[in-house]
Amino acid sequence: LSFASFLFGAVVGSFLNVVILRLPTEGESIVFPPSRCPVCKTAIKWYDNIPIISFLFLQAKCRSCKTRISFQYPLVELCMALLSLALYTNSGLSFEFFFYFLFLGALLAIIFIDIAHQIIPDKISLPGIVIGFAGSFINSEVTWQQSGLGILLGGGVLYAIAEGYYLITK
């Protein structure tokens, strides 16, 4: 099961690369079209879309146009795979595993989108707040009061900064 959790994380990491690439682009879907080279737009065959392994096998190049593939792709896949393995080692197959897996996947996508675009997409962060709060009623490690306080303080501080900035700069 440890290997399965690592593999599961790598596969989800591969999907996160699609999210990281397409979500910030207006009008792009994270579902359609299927995975494709960002340069030549050629659809990627299933055997060229195996997390981490295909990157190494193709020597970091697109099979069609030979354009270099960014090291971000295997990095995200490996990070998510290692995070998944660490969660499984810590929690086993439990509610906490899936709850924190979702949380870490969202954070990983946010990190790479923020690096590239200097934004934190509301499409990830706002549902994350709701899911996190709802999950606190089931999670044995965080109470709903702690979660609610985190939402109020975290959101309140950011709101106060935005309002202060607006008052100063108009």
C-alpha atoms as a PDB file:
ATOM      1  CA  LEU A   1       0.000   0.000   0.000  1.00  0.00           C
ATOM      2  CA  SER A   2       2.939   2.355   0.505  1.00  0.00           C
ATOM      3  CA  PHE A   3       3.893   1.964  -3.149  1.00  0.00           C
ATOM      4  CA  ALA A   4       0.231   2.388  -4.158  1.00  0.00           C
ATOM      5  CA  SER A   5       0.017   5.645  -2.178  1.00  0.00           C
ATOM      6  CA  PHE A   6       3.215   6.881  -3.861  1.00  0.00           C
ATOM      7  CA  LEU A   7       1.841   5.947  -7.300  1.00  0.00           C
ATOM      8  CA  PHE A   8      -1.537   7.535  -6.509  1.00  0.00           C
ATOM      9  CA  GLY A   9       0.231  10.759  -5.521  1.00  0.00           C
ATOM     10  CA  ALA A  10       2.287  10.755  -8.742  1.00  0.00           C
ATOM     11  CA  VAL A  11      -0.840  10.316 -10.880  1.00  0.00           C
ATOM     12  CA  VAL A  12      -2.630  13.119  -9.048  1.00  0.00           C
ATOM     13  CA  GLY A  13       0.541  15.223  -9.417  1.00  0.00           C
ATOM     14  CA  SER A  14       0.333  14.680 -13.171  1.00  0.00           C
ATOM     15  CA  PHE A  15      -3.224  16.040 -13.115  1.00  0.00           C
ATOM     16  CA  LEU A  16      -2.093  18.950 -10.939  1.00  0.00           C
ATOM     17  CA  ASN A  17       0.332  19.916 -13.708  1.00  0.00           C
ATOM     18  CA  VAL A  18      -2.678  20.337 -16.008  1.00  0.00           C
ATOM     19  CA  VAL A  19      -4.417  22.442 -13.348  1.00  0.00           C
ATOM     20  CA  ILE A  20      -1.282  24.568 -12.841  1.00  0.00           C
ATOM     21  CA  LEU A  21      -0.915  25.158 -16.575  1.00  0.00           C
ATOM     22  CA  ARG A  22      -4.562  25.724 -17.544  1.00  0.00           C
ATOM     23  CA  LEU A  23      -6.435  27.154 -14.551  1.00  0.00           C
ATOM     24  CA  PRO A  24      -4.872  30.641 -14.687  1.00  0.00           C
ATOM     25  CA  THR A  25      -5.610  30.897 -18.433  1.00  0.00           C
ATOM     26  CA  GLU A  26      -9.051  32.366 -19.129  1.00  0.00           C
ATOM     27  CA  GLY A  27     -11.302  30.005 -21.070  1.00  0.00           C
ATOM     28  CA  GLU A  28      -9.068  26.915 -20.631  1.00  0.00           C
ATOM     29  CA  SER A  29     -10.620  23.716 -19.323  1.00  0.00           C
ATOM     30  CA  ILE A  30      -8.710  21.417 -17.001  1.00  0.00           C
ATOM     31  CA  VAL A  31     -10.578  18.440 -18.475  1.00  0.00           C
ATOM     32  CA  PHE A  32     -10.762  18.975 -22.250  1.00  0.00           C
ATOM     33  CA  PRO A  33      -8.826  18.612 -24.431  1.00  0.00           C
ATOM     34  CA  PRO A  34      -6.766  15.764 -22.951  1.00  0.00           C
ATOM     35  CA  SER A  35      -3.085  16.225 -22.134  1.00  0.00           C
ATOM     36  CA  ARG A  36      -1.136  17.804 -24.964  1.00  0.00           C
ATOM     37  CA  CYS A  37       2.201  19.433 -25.652  1.00  0.00           C
ATOM     38  CA  PRO A  38       1.903  23.125 -24.736  1.00  0.00           C
ATOM     39  CA  VAL A  39       4.011  24.062 -27.790  1.00  0.00           C
ATOM     40  CA  CYS A  40       2.884  21.878 -30.714  1.00  0.00           C
ATOM     41  CA  LYS A  41      -0.527  20.965 -29.171  1.00  0.00           C
ATOM     42  CA  THR A  42      -0.087  17.278 -30.127  1.00  0.00           C
ATOM     43  CA  ALA A  43      -2.093  14.965 -27.868  1.00  0.00           C
ATOM     44  CA  ILE A  44       0.095  12.998 -25.495  1.00  0.00           C
ATOM     45  CA  LYS A  45      -0.289   9.227 -25.787  1.00  0.00           C
ATOM     46  CA  TRP A  46      -0.976   7.287 -22.599  1.00  0.00           C
ATOM     47  CA  TYR A  47       2.473   5.688 -22.652  1.00  0.00           C
ATOM     48  CA  ASP A  48       4.079   9.134 -22.825  1.00  0.00           C
ATOM     49  CA  ASN A  49       2.011  10.334 -19.886  1.00  0.00           C
ATOM     50  CA  ILE A  50       3.269   8.036 -17.139  1.00  0.00           C
ATOM     51  CA  PRO A  51       4.284  10.263 -14.217  1.00  0.00           C
ATOM     52  CA  ILE A  52       8.050  10.789 -13.772  1.00  0.00           C
ATOM     53  CA  ILE A  53       8.986   7.753 -15.900  1.00  0.00           C
ATOM     54  CA  SER A  54       7.887   9.212 -19.257  1.00  0.00           C
ATOM     55  CA  PHE A  55       9.827  12.406 -18.555  1.00  0.00           C
ATOM     56  CA  LEU A  56      12.989  10.370 -18.070  1.00  0.00           C
ATOM     57  CA  PHE A  57      12.303   8.007 -20.981  1.00  0.00           C
ATOM     58  CA  LEU A  58      11.645  10.906 -23.393  1.00  0.00           C
ATOM     59  CA  GLN A  59      14.760  12.680 -22.084  1.00  0.00           C
ATOM     60  CA  ALA A  60      12.715  15.762 -21.152  1.00  0.00           C
ATOM     61  CA  LYS A  61      11.520  16.368 -24.737  1.00  0.00           C
ATOM     62  CA  CYS A  62       8.172  16.215 -26.519  1.00  0.00           C
ATOM     63  CA  ARG A  63       7.992  13.129 -28.736  1.00  0.00           C
ATOM     64  CA  SER A  64       6.485  15.187 -31.598  1.00  0.00           C
ATOM     65  CA  CYS A  65       8.235  18.536 -31.725  1.00  0.00           C
ATOM     66  CA  LYS A  66      11.301  17.758 -29.545  1.00  0.00           C
ATOM     67  CA  THR A  67      10.712  20.889 -27.442  1.00  0.00           C
ATOM     68  CA  ARG A  68      12.176  20.609 -23.954  1.00  0.00           C
ATOM     69  CA  ILE A  69       9.689  19.679 -21.277  1.00  0.00           C
ATOM     70  CA  SER A  70       9.873  21.776 -18.120  1.00  0.00           C
ATOM     71  CA  PHE A  71      11.341  20.127 -15.022  1.00  0.00           C
ATOM     72  CA  GLN A  72       8.238  21.428 -13.239  1.00  0.00           C
ATOM     73  CA  TYR A  73       6.285  18.400 -14.492  1.00  0.00           C
ATOM     74  CA  PRO A  74       8.282  15.648 -12.772  1.00  0.00           C
ATOM     75  CA  LEU A  75       8.891  17.924  -9.771  1.00  0.00           C
ATOM     76  CA  VAL A  76       5.152  18.358  -9.109  1.00  0.00           C
ATOM     77  CA  GLU A  77       4.561  14.630  -9.685  1.00  0.00           C
ATOM     78  CA  LEU A  78       7.393  13.652  -7.336  1.00  0.00           C
ATOM     79  CA  CYS A  79       6.340  16.166  -4.664  1.00  0.00           C
ATOM     80  CA  MET A  80       2.755  14.903  -4.669  1.00  0.00           C
ATOM     81  CA  ALA A  81       3.958  11.287  -4.659  1.00  0.00           C
ATOM     82  CA  LEU A  82       6.206  11.915  -1.635  1.00  0.00           C
ATOM     83  CA  LEU A  83       3.495  13.885   0.172  1.00  0.00           C
ATOM     84  CA  SER A  84       1.056  11.038  -0.438  1.00  0.00           C
ATOM     85  CA  LEU A  85       3.537   8.480   0.871  1.00  0.00           C
ATOM     86  CA  ALA A  86       4.222  10.595   3.969  1.00  0.00           C
ATOM     87  CA  LEU A  87       0.494  10.954   4.624  1.00  0.00           C
ATOM     88  CA  TYR A  88      -0.059   7.222   4.221  1.00  0.00           C
ATOM     89  CA  THR A  89       2.859   6.469   6.539  1.00  0.00           C
ATOM     90  CA  ASN A  90       1.406   8.847   9.125  1.00  0.00           C
ATOM     91  CA  SER A  91      -2.351   8.171   8.808  1.00  0.00           C
ATOM     92  CA  GLY A  92      -2.854   4.936   6.892  1.00  0.00           C
ATOM     93  CA  LEU A  93      -5.964   4.742   4.735  1.00  0.00           C
ATOM     94  CA  SER A  94      -8.168   6.991   6.820  1.00  0.00           C
ATOM     95  CA  PHE A  95     -10.362  10.034   6.492  1.00  0.00           C
ATOM     96  CA  GLU A  96      -7.355  12.139   7.504  1.00  0.00           C
ATOM     97  CA  PHE A  97      -5.316  10.714   4.615  1.00  0.00           C
ATOM     98  CA  PHE A  98      -7.848  11.789   1.986  1.00  0.00           C
ATOM     99  CA  PHE A  99      -8.661  15.082   3.741  1.00  0.00           C
ATOM    100  CA  TYR A 100      -5.024  16.167   3.959  1.00  0.00           C
ATOM    101  CA  PHE A 101      -4.252  14.704   0.530  1.00  0.00           C
ATOM    102  CA  LEU A 102      -6.847  17.056  -0.976  1.00  0.00           C
ATOM    103  CA  PHE A 103      -5.468  19.936   1.093  1.00  0.00           C
ATOM    104  CA  LEU A 104      -1.844  19.284   0.077  1.00  0.00           C
ATOM    105  CA  GLY A 105      -2.793  18.848  -3.589  1.00  0.00           C
ATOM    106  CA  ALA A 106      -4.550  22.217  -3.527  1.00  0.00           C
ATOM    107  CA  LEU A 107      -1.568  23.852  -1.816  1.00  0.00           C
ATOM    108  CA  LEU A 108       0.883  22.357  -4.299  1.00  0.00           C
ATOM    109  CA  ALA A 109      -1.155  23.699  -7.216  1.00  0.00           C
ATOM    110  CA  ILE A 110      -1.413  27.117  -5.515  1.00  0.00           C
ATOM    111  CA  ILE A 111       2.355  27.227  -4.922  1.00  0.00           C
ATOM    112  CA  PHE A 112       3.234  26.618  -8.572  1.00  0.00           C
ATOM    113  CA  ILE A 113       0.500  28.903  -9.923  1.00  0.00           C
ATOM    114  CA  ASP A 114       1.656  31.635  -7.554  1.00  0.00           C
ATOM    115  CA  ILE A 115       5.284  31.211  -8.652  1.00  0.00           C
ATOM    116  CA  ALA A 116       4.330  31.558 -12.324  1.00  0.00           C
ATOM    117  CA  HIS A 117       1.529  34.147 -12.159  1.00  0.00           C
ATOM    118  CA  GLN A 118       1.699  35.787  -8.702  1.00  0.00           C
ATOM    119  CA  ILE A 119      -1.945  34.869  -8.031  1.00  0.00           C
ATOM    120  CA  ILE A 120      -3.780  32.497  -5.719  1.00  0.00           C
ATOM    121  CA  PRO A 121      -6.840  31.371  -7.668  1.00  0.00           C
ATOM    122  CA  ASP A 122     -10.186  31.746  -5.909  1.00  0.00           C
ATOM    123  CA  LYS A 123     -11.294  28.580  -7.736  1.00  0.00           C
ATOM    124  CA  ILE A 124      -8.941  26.654  -5.452  1.00  0.00           C
ATOM    125  CA  SER A 125      -8.796  28.717  -2.260  1.00  0.00           C
ATOM    126  CA  LEU A 126     -12.497  29.465  -1.688  1.00  0.00           C
ATOM    127  CA  PRO A 127     -13.740  25.862  -2.071  1.00  0.00           C
ATOM    128  CA  GLY A 128     -10.756  24.860   0.075  1.00  0.00           C
ATOM    129  CA  ILE A 129     -12.036  27.043   2.908  1.00  0.00           C
ATOM    130  CA  VAL A 130     -15.486  25.445   2.749  1.00  0.00           C
ATOM    131  CA  ILE A 131     -14.136  21.880   2.447  1.00  0.00           C
ATOM    132  CA  GLY A 132     -11.664  22.489   5.263  1.00  0.00           C
ATOM    133  CA  PHE A 133     -14.346  23.820   7.577  1.00  0.00           C
ATOM    134  CA  ALA A 134     -16.768  20.998   6.730  1.00  0.00           C
ATOM    135  CA  GLY A 135     -14.012  18.431   7.210  1.00  0.00           C
ATOM    136  CA  SER A 136     -13.247  19.782  10.670  1.00  0.00           C
ATOM    137  CA  PHE A 137     -16.499  18.231  11.906  1.00  0.00           C
ATOM    138  CA  ILE A 138     -15.112  14.762  11.055  1.00  0.00           C
ATOM    139  CA  ASN A 139     -11.361  15.298  11.446  1.00  0.00           C
ATOM    140  CA  SER A 140     -10.061  14.087  14.802  1.00  0.00           C
ATOM    141  CA  GLU A 141      -7.071  16.455  14.713  1.00  0.00           C
ATOM    142  CA  VAL A 142      -8.843  19.818  14.192  1.00  0.00           C
ATOM    143  CA  THR A 143     -12.055  21.003  15.829  1.00  0.00           C
ATOM    144  CA  TRP A 144     -14.649  23.080  14.016  1.00  0.00           C
ATOM    145  CA  GLN A 145     -13.907  25.918  16.465  1.00  0.00           C
ATOM    146  CA  GLN A 146     -10.220  25.892  15.532  1.00  0.00           C
ATOM    147  CA  SER A 147     -11.103  25.804  11.849  1.00  0.00           C
ATOM    148  CA  GLY A 148     -13.592  28.664  12.205  1.00  0.00           C
ATOM    149  CA  LEU A 149     -11.066  30.732  14.140  1.00  0.00           C
ATOM    150  CA  GLY A 150      -8.484  30.094  11.411  1.00  0.00           C
ATOM    151  CA  ILE A 151     -10.935  31.275   8.758  1.00  0.00           C
ATOM    152  CA  LEU A 152     -11.822  34.431  10.709  1.00  0.00           C
ATOM    153  CA  LEU A 153      -8.257  35.340  11.657  1.00  0.00           C
ATOM    154  CA  GLY A 154      -6.634  34.364   8.349  1.00  0.00           C
ATOM    155  CA  GLY A 155      -9.339  35.961   6.230  1.00  0.00           C
ATOM    156  CA  GLY A 156      -9.705  38.901   8.616  1.00  0.00           C
ATOM    157  CA  VAL A 157      -6.019  39.792   8.478  1.00  0.00           C
ATOM    158  CA  LEU A 158      -5.981  39.657   4.677  1.00  0.00           C
ATOM    159  CA  TYR A 159      -9.199  41.696   4.505  1.00  0.00           C
ATOM    160  CA  ALA A 160      -7.767  44.303   6.914  1.00  0.00           C
ATOM    161  CA  ILE A 161      -4.613  44.606   4.792  1.00  0.00           C
ATOM    162  CA  ALA A 162      -6.677  45.067   1.615  1.00  0.00           C
ATOM    163  CA  GLU A 163      -8.914  47.647   3.256  1.00  0.00           C
ATOM    164  CA  GLY A 164      -5.947  49.496   4.749  1.00  0.00           C
ATOM    165  CA  TYR A 165      -4.249  49.578   1.364  1.00  0.00           C
ATOM    166  CA  TYR A 166      -7.420  50.902  -0.264  1.00  0.00           C
ATOM    167  CA  LEU A 167      -7.844  53.628   2.390  1.00  0.00           C
ATOM    168  CA  ILE A 168      -4.239  54.765   1.982  1.00  0.00           C
ATOM    169  CA  THR A 169      -4.067  54.675  -1.822  1.00  0.00           C
ATOM    170  CA  LYS A 170      -7.736  55.234  -2.740  1.00  0.00           C
END
